[in-house]
PDB file of all heavy atoms in Angstrom:
ATOM      1  N   ASN A   1       1.649 -11.215  -3.222  1.00  0.00           N
ATOM      2  CA  ASN A   1       2.151 -12.067  -2.141  1.00  0.00           C
ATOM      3  C   ASN A   1       3.045 -13.167  -2.684  1.00  0.00           C
ATOM      4  O   ASN A   1       4.132 -13.435  -2.149  1.00  0.00           O
ATOM      5  CB  ASN A   1       0.967 -12.663  -1.370  1.00  0.00           C
ATOM      6  CG  ASN A   1       1.371 -13.199  -0.019  1.00  0.00           C
ATOM      7  OD1 ASN A   1       2.329 -13.961   0.081  1.00  0.00           O
ATOM      8  ND2 ASN A   1       0.644 -12.827   1.019  1.00  0.00           N
ATOM      9  N   ASP A   2       2.626 -13.802  -3.766  1.00  0.00           N
ATOM     10  CA  ASP A   2       3.414 -14.882  -4.366  1.00  0.00           C
ATOM     11  C   ASP A   2       4.712 -14.355  -4.988  1.00  0.00           C
ATOM     12  O   ASP A   2       5.755 -15.013  -4.917  1.00  0.00           O
ATOM     13  CB  ASP A   2       2.597 -15.596  -5.451  1.00  0.00           C
ATOM     14  CG  ASP A   2       1.432 -16.396  -4.877  1.00  0.00           C
ATOM     15  OD1 ASP A   2       1.445 -16.674  -3.658  1.00  0.00           O
ATOM     16  OD2 ASP A   2       0.510 -16.715  -5.647  1.00  0.00           O
ATOM     17  N   ALA A   3       4.659 -13.180  -5.594  1.00  0.00           N
ATOM     18  CA  ALA A   3       5.812 -12.665  -6.341  1.00  0.00           C
ATOM     19  C   ALA A   3       6.881 -12.067  -5.445  1.00  0.00           C
ATOM     20  O   ALA A   3       8.079 -12.296  -5.661  1.00  0.00           O
ATOM     21  CB  ALA A   3       5.344 -11.629  -7.366  1.00  0.00           C
ATOM     22  N   VAL A   4       6.482 -11.291  -4.429  1.00  0.00           N
ATOM     23  CA  VAL A   4       7.481 -10.563  -3.634  1.00  0.00           C
ATOM     24  C   VAL A   4       7.261 -10.707  -2.128  1.00  0.00           C
ATOM     25  O   VAL A   4       7.922 -10.031  -1.337  1.00  0.00           O
ATOM     26  CB  VAL A   4       7.511  -9.060  -4.017  1.00  0.00           C
ATOM     27  CG1 VAL A   4       8.003  -8.891  -5.444  1.00  0.00           C
ATOM     28  CG2 VAL A   4       6.149  -8.406  -3.826  1.00  0.00           C
ATOM     29  N   ASP A   5       6.334 -11.571  -1.714  1.00  0.00           N
ATOM     30  CA  ASP A   5       6.096 -11.850  -0.301  1.00  0.00           C
ATOM     31  C   ASP A   5       5.717 -10.593   0.478  1.00  0.00           C
ATOM     32  O   ASP A   5       6.185 -10.364   1.594  1.00  0.00           O
ATOM     33  CB  ASP A   5       7.327 -12.513   0.329  1.00  0.00           C
ATOM     34  CG  ASP A   5       7.024 -13.115   1.707  1.00  0.00           C
ATOM     35  OD1 ASP A   5       5.863 -13.498   1.927  1.00  0.00           O
ATOM     36  OD2 ASP A   5       7.946 -13.176   2.542  1.00  0.00           O
ATOM     37  N   VAL A   6       4.865  -9.765  -0.122  1.00  0.00           N
ATOM     38  CA  VAL A   6       4.290  -8.617   0.570  1.00  0.00           C
ATOM     39  C   VAL A   6       2.781  -8.830   0.627  1.00  0.00           C
ATOM     40  O   VAL A   6       2.140  -9.057  -0.404  1.00  0.00           O
ATOM     41  CB  VAL A   6       4.624  -7.291  -0.149  1.00  0.00           C
ATOM     42  CG1 VAL A   6       3.863  -6.123   0.480  1.00  0.00           C
ATOM     43  CG2 VAL A   6       6.127  -7.025  -0.097  1.00  0.00           C
ATOM     44  N   ASP A   7       2.225  -8.756   1.839  1.00  0.00           N
ATOM     45  CA  ASP A   7       0.816  -9.080   2.077  1.00  0.00           C
ATOM     46  C   ASP A   7       0.002  -7.793   2.120  1.00  0.00           C
ATOM     47  O   ASP A   7       0.292  -6.893   2.913  1.00  0.00           O
ATOM     48  CB  ASP A   7       0.703  -9.841   3.399  1.00  0.00           C
ATOM     49  CG  ASP A   7      -0.672 -10.446   3.599  1.00  0.00           C
ATOM     50  OD1 ASP A   7      -1.390 -10.638   2.599  1.00  0.00           O
ATOM     51  OD2 ASP A   7      -1.027 -10.708   4.769  1.00  0.00           O
ATOM     52  N   LEU A   8      -1.026  -7.712   1.285  1.00  0.00           N
ATOM     53  CA  LEU A   8      -1.819  -6.495   1.142  1.00  0.00           C
ATOM     54  C   LEU A   8      -3.274  -6.725   1.530  1.00  0.00           C
ATOM     55  O   LEU A   8      -3.770  -7.853   1.521  1.00  0.00           O
ATOM     56  CB  LEU A   8      -1.779  -5.998  -0.307  1.00  0.00           C
ATOM     57  CG  LEU A   8      -0.434  -5.650  -0.914  1.00  0.00           C
ATOM     58  CD1 LEU A   8      -0.583  -5.462  -2.424  1.00  0.00           C
ATOM     59  CD2 LEU A   8       0.141  -4.393  -0.274  1.00  0.00           C
ATOM     60  N   LYS A   9      -3.938  -5.630   1.832  1.00  0.00           N
ATOM     61  CA  LYS A   9      -5.395  -5.581   1.903  1.00  0.00           C
ATOM     62  C   LYS A   9      -5.841  -4.357   1.123  1.00  0.00           C
ATOM     63  O   LYS A   9      -5.032  -3.469   0.828  1.00  0.00           O
ATOM     64  CB  LYS A   9      -5.883  -5.514   3.345  1.00  0.00           C
ATOM     65  CG  LYS A   9      -5.325  -4.372   4.171  1.00  0.00           C
ATOM     66  CD  LYS A   9      -5.808  -4.467   5.607  1.00  0.00           C
ATOM     67  CE  LYS A   9      -5.119  -3.443   6.517  1.00  0.00           C
ATOM     68  NZ  LYS A   9      -3.681  -3.730   6.698  1.00  0.00           N
ATOM     69  N   VAL A  10      -7.145  -4.290   0.789  1.00  0.00           N
ATOM     70  CA  VAL A  10      -7.593  -3.188  -0.059  1.00  0.00           C
ATOM     71  C   VAL A  10      -9.035  -2.824   0.254  1.00  0.00           C
ATOM     72  O   VAL A  10      -9.892  -3.687   0.470  1.00  0.00           O
ATOM     73  CB  VAL A  10      -7.442  -3.542  -1.561  1.00  0.00           C
ATOM     74  CG1 VAL A  10      -8.301  -4.732  -1.954  1.00  0.00           C
ATOM     75  CG2 VAL A  10      -7.754  -2.339  -2.441  1.00  0.00           C
ATOM     76  N   GLY A  11      -9.286  -1.523   0.297  1.00  0.00           N
ATOM     77  CA  GLY A  11     -10.634  -0.999   0.353  1.00  0.00           C
ATOM     78  C   GLY A  11     -10.966  -0.327  -0.958  1.00  0.00           C
ATOM     79  O   GLY A  11     -10.112   0.327  -1.568  1.00  0.00           O
ATOM     80  N   VAL A  12     -12.211  -0.483  -1.401  1.00  0.00           N
ATOM     81  CA  VAL A  12     -12.611  -0.003  -2.728  1.00  0.00           C
ATOM     82  C   VAL A  12     -13.853   0.874  -2.602  1.00  0.00           C
ATOM     83  O   VAL A  12     -14.808   0.517  -1.913  1.00  0.00           O
ATOM     84  CB  VAL A  12     -12.905  -1.177  -3.678  1.00  0.00           C
ATOM     85  CG1 VAL A  12     -13.209  -0.666  -5.092  1.00  0.00           C
ATOM     86  CG2 VAL A  12     -11.749  -2.173  -3.691  1.00  0.00           C
ATOM     87  N   GLY A  13     -13.822   2.013  -3.277  1.00  0.00           N
ATOM     88  CA  GLY A  13     -14.984   2.887  -3.343  1.00  0.00           C
ATOM     89  C   GLY A  13     -15.277   3.276  -4.779  1.00  0.00           C
ATOM     90  O   GLY A  13     -14.381   3.277  -5.627  1.00  0.00           O
ATOM     91  N   GLN A  14     -16.526   3.606  -5.047  1.00  0.00           N
ATOM     92  CA  GLN A  14     -16.926   3.983  -6.399  1.00  0.00           C
ATOM     93  C   GLN A  14     -17.907   5.136  -6.324  1.00  0.00           C
ATOM     94  O   GLN A  14     -18.836   5.132  -5.512  1.00  0.00           O
ATOM     95  CB  GLN A  14     -17.545   2.789  -7.134  1.00  0.00           C
ATOM     96  CG  GLN A  14     -17.662   2.985  -8.641  1.00  0.00           C
ATOM     97  CD  GLN A  14     -17.684   1.658  -9.397  1.00  0.00           C
ATOM     98  OE1 GLN A  14     -17.255   0.633  -8.884  1.00  0.00           O
ATOM     99  NE2 GLN A  14     -18.157   1.696 -10.631  1.00  0.00           N
ATOM    100  N   SER A  15     -17.684   6.171  -7.173  1.00  0.00           N
ATOM    101  CA  SER A  15     -18.537   7.348  -7.151  1.00  0.00           C
ATOM    102  C   SER A  15     -18.369   8.103  -8.460  1.00  0.00           C
ATOM    103  O   SER A  15     -17.656   7.658  -9.358  1.00  0.00           O
ATOM    104  CB  SER A  15     -18.170   8.244  -5.956  1.00  0.00           C
ATOM    105  OG  SER A  15     -19.063   9.334  -5.851  1.00  0.00           O
ATOM    106  N   GLY A  16     -18.991   9.267  -8.531  1.00  0.00           N
ATOM    107  CA  GLY A  16     -18.892  10.070  -9.742  1.00  0.00           C
ATOM    108  C   GLY A  16     -17.633  10.891  -9.819  1.00  0.00           C
ATOM    109  O   GLY A  16     -17.268  11.358 -10.899  1.00  0.00           O
ATOM    110  N   VAL A  17     -16.952  11.097  -8.680  1.00  0.00           N
ATOM    111  CA  VAL A  17     -15.710  11.864  -8.642  1.00  0.00           C
ATOM    112  C   VAL A  17     -14.689  11.122  -7.794  1.00  0.00           C
ATOM    113  O   VAL A  17     -15.036  10.293  -6.944  1.00  0.00           O
ATOM    114  CB  VAL A  17     -15.926  13.291  -8.089  1.00  0.00           C
ATOM    115  CG1 VAL A  17     -16.785  14.117  -9.031  1.00  0.00           C
ATOM    116  CG2 VAL A  17     -16.525  13.254  -6.697  1.00  0.00           C
ATOM    117  N   ALA A  18     -13.419  11.452  -8.003  1.00  0.00           N
ATOM    118  CA  ALA A  18     -12.342  10.696  -7.364  1.00  0.00           C
ATOM    119  C   ALA A  18     -12.351  10.832  -5.846  1.00  0.00           C
ATOM    120  O   ALA A  18     -12.130   9.849  -5.121  1.00  0.00           O
ATOM    121  CB  ALA A  18     -10.997  11.146  -7.927  1.00  0.00           C
ATOM    122  N   GLN A  19     -12.592  12.043  -5.328  1.00  0.00           N
ATOM    123  CA  GLN A  19     -12.514  12.215  -3.882  1.00  0.00           C
ATOM    124  C   GLN A  19     -13.574  11.425  -3.142  1.00  0.00           C
ATOM    125  O   GLN A  19     -13.301  10.824  -2.096  1.00  0.00           O
ATOM    126  CB  GLN A  19     -12.585  13.698  -3.514  1.00  0.00           C
ATOM    127  CG  GLN A  19     -11.274  14.413  -3.744  1.00  0.00           C
ATOM    128  CD  GLN A  19     -11.222  15.753  -3.048  1.00  0.00           C
ATOM    129  OE1 GLN A  19     -11.822  15.965  -2.014  1.00  0.00           O
ATOM    130  NE2 GLN A  19     -10.480  16.681  -3.636  1.00  0.00           N
ATOM    131  N   ALA A  20     -14.782  11.399  -3.652  1.00  0.00           N
ATOM    132  CA  ALA A  20     -15.835  10.628  -3.006  1.00  0.00           C
ATOM    133  C   ALA A  20     -15.532   9.134  -3.076  1.00  0.00           C
ATOM    134  O   ALA A  20     -15.716   8.400  -2.095  1.00  0.00           O
ATOM    135  CB  ALA A  20     -17.180  10.928  -3.654  1.00  0.00           C
ATOM    136  N   ALA A  21     -15.047   8.681  -4.231  1.00  0.00           N
ATOM    137  CA  ALA A  21     -14.665   7.268  -4.355  1.00  0.00           C
ATOM    138  C   ALA A  21     -13.515   6.946  -3.418  1.00  0.00           C
ATOM    139  O   ALA A  21     -13.479   5.882  -2.785  1.00  0.00           O
ATOM    140  CB  ALA A  21     -14.282   6.959  -5.801  1.00  0.00           C
ATOM    141  N   GLY A  22     -12.550   7.876  -3.315  1.00  0.00           N
ATOM    142  CA  GLY A  22     -11.411   7.663  -2.432  1.00  0.00           C
ATOM    143  C   GLY A  22     -11.796   7.597  -0.974  1.00  0.00           C
ATOM    144  O   GLY A  22     -11.251   6.792  -0.206  1.00  0.00           O
ATOM    145  N   MET A  23     -12.745   8.432  -0.535  1.00  0.00           N
ATOM    146  CA  MET A  23     -13.200   8.372   0.850  1.00  0.00           C
ATOM    147  C   MET A  23     -13.939   7.061   1.123  1.00  0.00           C
ATOM    148  O   MET A  23     -13.793   6.471   2.195  1.00  0.00           O
ATOM    149  CB  MET A  23     -14.098   9.559   1.165  1.00  0.00           C
ATOM    150  CG  MET A  23     -13.351  10.869   1.332  1.00  0.00           C
ATOM    151  SD  MET A  23     -11.997  10.785   2.565  1.00  0.00           S
ATOM    152  CE  MET A  23     -12.903  10.344   4.047  1.00  0.00           C
ATOM    153  N   GLY A  24     -14.700   6.601   0.145  1.00  0.00           N
ATOM    154  CA  GLY A  24     -15.329   5.295   0.296  1.00  0.00           C
ATOM    155  C   GLY A  24     -14.294   4.200   0.453  1.00  0.00           C
ATOM    156  O   GLY A  24     -14.436   3.289   1.280  1.00  0.00           O
ATOM    157  N   ALA A  25     -13.219   4.298  -0.335  1.00  0.00           N
ATOM    158  CA  ALA A  25     -12.148   3.304  -0.248  1.00  0.00           C
ATOM    159  C   ALA A  25     -11.473   3.343   1.117  1.00  0.00           C
ATOM    160  O   ALA A  25     -11.138   2.297   1.693  1.00  0.00           O
ATOM    161  CB  ALA A  25     -11.125   3.554  -1.359  1.00  0.00           C
ATOM    162  N   LYS A  26     -11.263   4.536   1.660  1.00  0.00           N
ATOM    163  CA  LYS A  26     -10.649   4.652   2.990  1.00  0.00           C
ATOM    164  C   LYS A  26     -11.517   3.995   4.052  1.00  0.00           C
ATOM    165  O   LYS A  26     -11.022   3.281   4.935  1.00  0.00           O
ATOM    166  CB  LYS A  26     -10.423   6.129   3.332  1.00  0.00           C
ATOM    167  CG  LYS A  26      -9.213   6.765   2.666  1.00  0.00           C
ATOM    168  CD  LYS A  26      -9.104   8.235   3.043  1.00  0.00           C
ATOM    169  CE  LYS A  26      -7.811   8.841   2.520  1.00  0.00           C
ATOM    170  NZ  LYS A  26      -6.637   8.384   3.280  1.00  0.00           N
ATOM    171  N   HIS A  27     -12.821   4.244   4.014  1.00  0.00           N
ATOM    172  CA  HIS A  27     -13.720   3.628   4.996  1.00  0.00           C
ATOM    173  C   HIS A  27     -13.754   2.112   4.827  1.00  0.00           C
ATOM    174  O   HIS A  27     -13.796   1.362   5.822  1.00  0.00           O
ATOM    175  CB  HIS A  27     -15.116   4.219   4.864  1.00  0.00           C
ATOM    176  CG  HIS A  27     -15.232   5.620   5.384  1.00  0.00           C
ATOM    177  ND1 HIS A  27     -15.044   5.943   6.717  1.00  0.00           N
ATOM    178  CD2 HIS A  27     -15.506   6.796   4.751  1.00  0.00           C
ATOM    179  CE1 HIS A  27     -15.203   7.246   6.888  1.00  0.00           C
ATOM    180  NE2 HIS A  27     -15.473   7.787   5.704  1.00  0.00           N
ATOM    181  N   ALA A  28     -13.727   1.649   3.575  1.00  0.00           N
ATOM    182  CA  ALA A  28     -13.708   0.210   3.332  1.00  0.00           C
ATOM    183  C   ALA A  28     -12.421  -0.418   3.854  1.00  0.00           C
ATOM    184  O   ALA A  28     -12.420  -1.533   4.385  1.00  0.00           O
ATOM    185  CB  ALA A  28     -13.875  -0.073   1.841  1.00  0.00           C
ATOM    186  N   LEU A  29     -11.301   0.312   3.725  1.00  0.00           N
ATOM    187  CA  LEU A  29     -10.026  -0.190   4.239  1.00  0.00           C
ATOM    188  C   LEU A  29     -10.066  -0.308   5.761  1.00  0.00           C
ATOM    189  O   LEU A  29      -9.509  -1.252   6.337  1.00  0.00           O
ATOM    190  CB  LEU A  29      -8.885   0.732   3.797  1.00  0.00           C
ATOM    191  CG  LEU A  29      -7.460   0.270   4.118  1.00  0.00           C
ATOM    192  CD1 LEU A  29      -7.156  -1.075   3.468  1.00  0.00           C
ATOM    193  CD2 LEU A  29      -6.450   1.321   3.667  1.00  0.00           C
ATOM    194  N   GLU A  30     -10.732   0.629   6.427  1.00  0.00           N
ATOM    195  CA  GLU A  30     -10.893   0.521   7.882  1.00  0.00           C
ATOM    196  C   GLU A  30     -11.694  -0.724   8.241  1.00  0.00           C
ATOM    197  O   GLU A  30     -11.424  -1.375   9.264  1.00  0.00           O
ATOM    198  CB  GLU A  30     -11.580   1.772   8.426  1.00  0.00           C
ATOM    199  CG  GLU A  30     -10.696   3.008   8.440  1.00  0.00           C
ATOM    200  CD  GLU A  30      -9.425   2.782   9.246  1.00  0.00           C
ATOM    201  OE1 GLU A  30      -9.521   2.347  10.412  1.00  0.00           O
ATOM    202  OE2 GLU A  30      -8.331   3.025   8.698  1.00  0.00           O
ATOM    203  N   ALA A  31     -12.677  -1.070   7.421  1.00  0.00           N
ATOM    204  CA  ALA A  31     -13.437  -2.295   7.661  1.00  0.00           C
ATOM    205  C   ALA A  31     -12.543  -3.520   7.530  1.00  0.00           C
ATOM    206  O   ALA A  31     -12.678  -4.493   8.288  1.00  0.00           O
ATOM    207  CB  ALA A  31     -14.620  -2.383   6.685  1.00  0.00           C
ATOM    208  N   CYS A  32     -11.605  -3.494   6.566  1.00  0.00           N
ATOM    209  CA  CYS A  32     -10.629  -4.585   6.455  1.00  0.00           C
ATOM    210  C   CYS A  32      -9.842  -4.724   7.755  1.00  0.00           C
ATOM    211  O   CYS A  32      -9.641  -5.845   8.259  1.00  0.00           O
ATOM    212  CB  CYS A  32      -9.652  -4.326   5.307  1.00  0.00           C
ATOM    213  SG  CYS A  32     -10.296  -4.508   3.644  1.00  0.00           S
ATOM    214  N   ARG A  33      -9.375  -3.620   8.296  1.00  0.00           N
ATOM    215  CA  ARG A  33      -8.572  -3.655   9.518  1.00  0.00           C
ATOM    216  C   ARG A  33      -9.389  -4.188  10.691  1.00  0.00           C
ATOM    217  O   ARG A  33      -8.900  -4.965  11.520  1.00  0.00           O
ATOM    218  CB  ARG A  33      -8.048  -2.254   9.827  1.00  0.00           C
ATOM    219  CG  ARG A  33      -7.050  -1.721   8.799  1.00  0.00           C
ATOM    220  CD  ARG A  33      -6.436  -0.404   9.249  1.00  0.00           C
ATOM    221  NE  ARG A  33      -5.426   0.063   8.297  1.00  0.00           N
ATOM    222  CZ  ARG A  33      -5.548   1.131   7.533  1.00  0.00           C
ATOM    223  NH1 ARG A  33      -6.661   1.865   7.591  1.00  0.00           N
ATOM    224  NH2 ARG A  33      -4.582   1.484   6.701  1.00  0.00           N
ATOM    225  N   GLU A  34     -10.632  -3.763  10.784  1.00  0.00           N
ATOM    226  CA  GLU A  34     -11.467  -4.162  11.908  1.00  0.00           C
ATOM    227  C   GLU A  34     -11.899  -5.621  11.820  1.00  0.00           C
ATOM    228  O   GLU A  34     -11.965  -6.327  12.841  1.00  0.00           O
ATOM    229  CB  GLU A  34     -12.702  -3.261  11.966  1.00  0.00           C
ATOM    230  CG  GLU A  34     -12.396  -1.819  12.336  1.00  0.00           C
ATOM    231  CD  GLU A  34     -13.602  -0.917  12.180  1.00  0.00           C
ATOM    232  OE1 GLU A  34     -14.701  -1.449  11.871  1.00  0.00           O
ATOM    233  OE2 GLU A  34     -13.451   0.311  12.350  1.00  0.00           O
ATOM    234  N   ASP A  35     -12.192  -6.092  10.607  1.00  0.00           N
ATOM    235  CA  ASP A  35     -12.775  -7.424  10.433  1.00  0.00           C
ATOM    236  C   ASP A  35     -11.770  -8.484  10.001  1.00  0.00           C
ATOM    237  O   ASP A  35     -12.112  -9.664   9.912  1.00  0.00           O
ATOM    238  CB  ASP A  35     -13.906  -7.362   9.400  1.00  0.00           C
ATOM    239  CG  ASP A  35     -15.021  -6.415   9.815  1.00  0.00           C
ATOM    240  OD1 ASP A  35     -15.161  -6.161  11.035  1.00  0.00           O
ATOM    241  OD2 ASP A  35     -15.744  -5.916   8.920  1.00  0.00           O
ATOM    242  N   GLY A  36     -10.531  -8.072   9.699  1.00  0.00           N
ATOM    243  CA  GLY A  36      -9.533  -9.043   9.255  1.00  0.00           C
ATOM    244  C   GLY A  36      -9.777  -9.559   7.862  1.00  0.00           C
ATOM    245  O   GLY A  36      -9.343 -10.665   7.518  1.00  0.00           O
ATOM    246  N   THR A  37     -10.443  -8.753   7.026  1.00  0.00           N
ATOM    247  CA  THR A  37     -10.716  -9.160   5.654  1.00  0.00           C
ATOM    248  C   THR A  37      -9.650  -8.613   4.709  1.00  0.00           C
ATOM    249  O   THR A  37      -8.929  -7.672   5.037  1.00  0.00           O
ATOM    250  CB  THR A  37     -12.105  -8.670   5.201  1.00  0.00           C
ATOM    251  OG1 THR A  37     -12.229  -7.278   5.514  1.00  0.00           O
ATOM    252  CG2 THR A  37     -13.202  -9.449   5.898  1.00  0.00           C
ATOM    253  N   ALA A  38      -9.554  -9.210   3.541  1.00  0.00           N
ATOM    254  CA  ALA A  38      -8.551  -8.798   2.566  1.00  0.00           C
ATOM    255  C   ALA A  38      -9.079  -7.778   1.582  1.00  0.00           C
ATOM    256  O   ALA A  38      -8.337  -6.912   1.107  1.00  0.00           O
ATOM    257  CB  ALA A  38      -8.037 -10.010   1.796  1.00  0.00           C
ATOM    258  N   VAL A  39     -10.378  -7.879   1.259  1.00  0.00           N
ATOM    259  CA  VAL A  39     -10.989  -6.989   0.270  1.00  0.00           C
ATOM    260  C   VAL A  39     -12.334  -6.518   0.807  1.00  0.00           C
ATOM    261  O   VAL A  39     -13.155  -7.327   1.225  1.00  0.00           O
ATOM    262  CB  VAL A  39     -11.209  -7.703  -1.083  1.00  0.00           C
ATOM    263  CG1 VAL A  39     -11.814  -6.743  -2.105  1.00  0.00           C
ATOM    264  CG2 VAL A  39      -9.919  -8.309  -1.611  1.00  0.00           C
ATOM    265  N   GLU A  40     -12.541  -5.221   0.812  1.00  0.00           N
ATOM    266  CA  GLU A  40     -13.831  -4.656   1.201  1.00  0.00           C
ATOM    267  C   GLU A  40     -14.234  -3.586   0.202  1.00  0.00           C
ATOM    268  O   GLU A  40     -13.414  -2.748  -0.189  1.00  0.00           O
ATOM    269  CB  GLU A  40     -13.759  -4.015   2.589  1.00  0.00           C
ATOM    270  CG  GLU A  40     -13.671  -4.978   3.748  1.00  0.00           C
ATOM    271  CD  GLU A  40     -15.024  -5.458   4.230  1.00  0.00           C
ATOM    272  OE1 GLU A  40     -16.038  -5.083   3.589  1.00  0.00           O
ATOM    273  OE2 GLU A  40     -15.064  -6.196   5.222  1.00  0.00           O
ATOM    274  N   PHE A  41     -15.493  -3.613  -0.222  1.00  0.00           N
ATOM    275  CA  PHE A  41     -16.066  -2.536  -1.010  1.00  0.00           C
ATOM    276  C   PHE A  41     -16.887  -1.641  -0.091  1.00  0.00           C
ATOM    277  O   PHE A  41     -17.488  -2.112   0.870  1.00  0.00           O
ATOM    278  CB  PHE A  41     -16.972  -3.095  -2.110  1.00  0.00           C
ATOM    279  CG  PHE A  41     -16.235  -3.569  -3.332  1.00  0.00           C
ATOM    280  CD1 PHE A  41     -15.531  -4.765  -3.317  1.00  0.00           C
ATOM    281  CD2 PHE A  41     -16.248  -2.836  -4.507  1.00  0.00           C
ATOM    282  CE1 PHE A  41     -14.855  -5.216  -4.435  1.00  0.00           C
ATOM    283  CE2 PHE A  41     -15.575  -3.278  -5.636  1.00  0.00           C
ATOM    284  CZ  PHE A  41     -14.878  -4.467  -5.605  1.00  0.00           C
ATOM    285  N   ALA A  42     -16.927  -0.383  -0.405  1.00  0.00           N
ATOM    286  CA  ALA A  42     -17.697   0.546   0.413  1.00  0.00           C
ATOM    287  C   ALA A  42     -19.176   0.182   0.429  1.00  0.00           C
ATOM    288  O   ALA A  42     -19.864   0.409   1.401  1.00  0.00           O
ATOM    289  CB  ALA A  42     -17.513   1.978  -0.099  1.00  0.00           C
ATOM    290  N   ASP A  43     -19.655  -0.426  -0.649  1.00  0.00           N
ATOM    291  CA  ASP A  43     -21.077  -0.753  -0.714  1.00  0.00           C
ATOM    292  C   ASP A  43     -21.336  -2.128  -1.310  1.00  0.00           C
ATOM    293  O   ASP A  43     -22.382  -2.388  -1.863  1.00  0.00           O
ATOM    294  CB  ASP A  43     -21.821   0.303  -1.531  1.00  0.00           C
ATOM    295  CG  ASP A  43     -21.244   0.491  -2.927  1.00  0.00           C
ATOM    296  OD1 ASP A  43     -20.255  -0.179  -3.252  1.00  0.00           O
ATOM    297  OD2 ASP A  43     -21.796   1.304  -3.696  1.00  0.00           O
ATOM    298  N   ARG A  44     -20.332  -3.011  -1.222  1.00  0.00           N
ATOM    299  CA  ARG A  44     -20.484  -4.352  -1.780  1.00  0.00           C
ATOM    300  C   ARG A  44     -19.960  -5.391  -0.805  1.00  0.00           C
ATOM    301  O   ARG A  44     -19.247  -5.055   0.130  1.00  0.00           O
ATOM    302  CB  ARG A  44     -19.721  -4.477  -3.107  1.00  0.00           C
ATOM    303  CG  ARG A  44     -20.177  -3.496  -4.176  1.00  0.00           C
ATOM    304  CD  ARG A  44     -19.422  -3.718  -5.457  1.00  0.00           C
ATOM    305  NE  ARG A  44     -19.680  -2.648  -6.414  1.00  0.00           N
ATOM    306  CZ  ARG A  44     -19.175  -2.592  -7.629  1.00  0.00           C
ATOM    307  NH1 ARG A  44     -18.366  -3.553  -8.041  1.00  0.00           N
ATOM    308  NH2 ARG A  44     -19.447  -1.588  -8.440  1.00  0.00           N
ATOM    309  N   PRO A  45     -20.274  -6.676  -1.005  1.00  0.00           N
ATOM    310  CA  PRO A  45     -19.815  -7.708  -0.074  1.00  0.00           C
ATOM    311  C   PRO A  45     -18.302  -7.804  -0.034  1.00  0.00           C
ATOM    312  O   PRO A  45     -17.612  -7.512  -0.992  1.00  0.00           O
ATOM    313  CB  PRO A  45     -20.424  -9.001  -0.642  1.00  0.00           C
ATOM    314  CG  PRO A  45     -21.560  -8.541  -1.479  1.00  0.00           C
ATOM    315  CD  PRO A  45     -21.156  -7.214  -2.042  1.00  0.00           C
TER     316      PRO A  45
END
């Protein structure tokens, strides 16, 4: 945001394989959209 004035949000997932972690990240990103948060973990605060 400071460097190029682009505002981001991020969802994060963690698992034993990439696809499961990626799906967790997608669901966490939906939580960002719904709650207006900047960072969401699939299973963390």
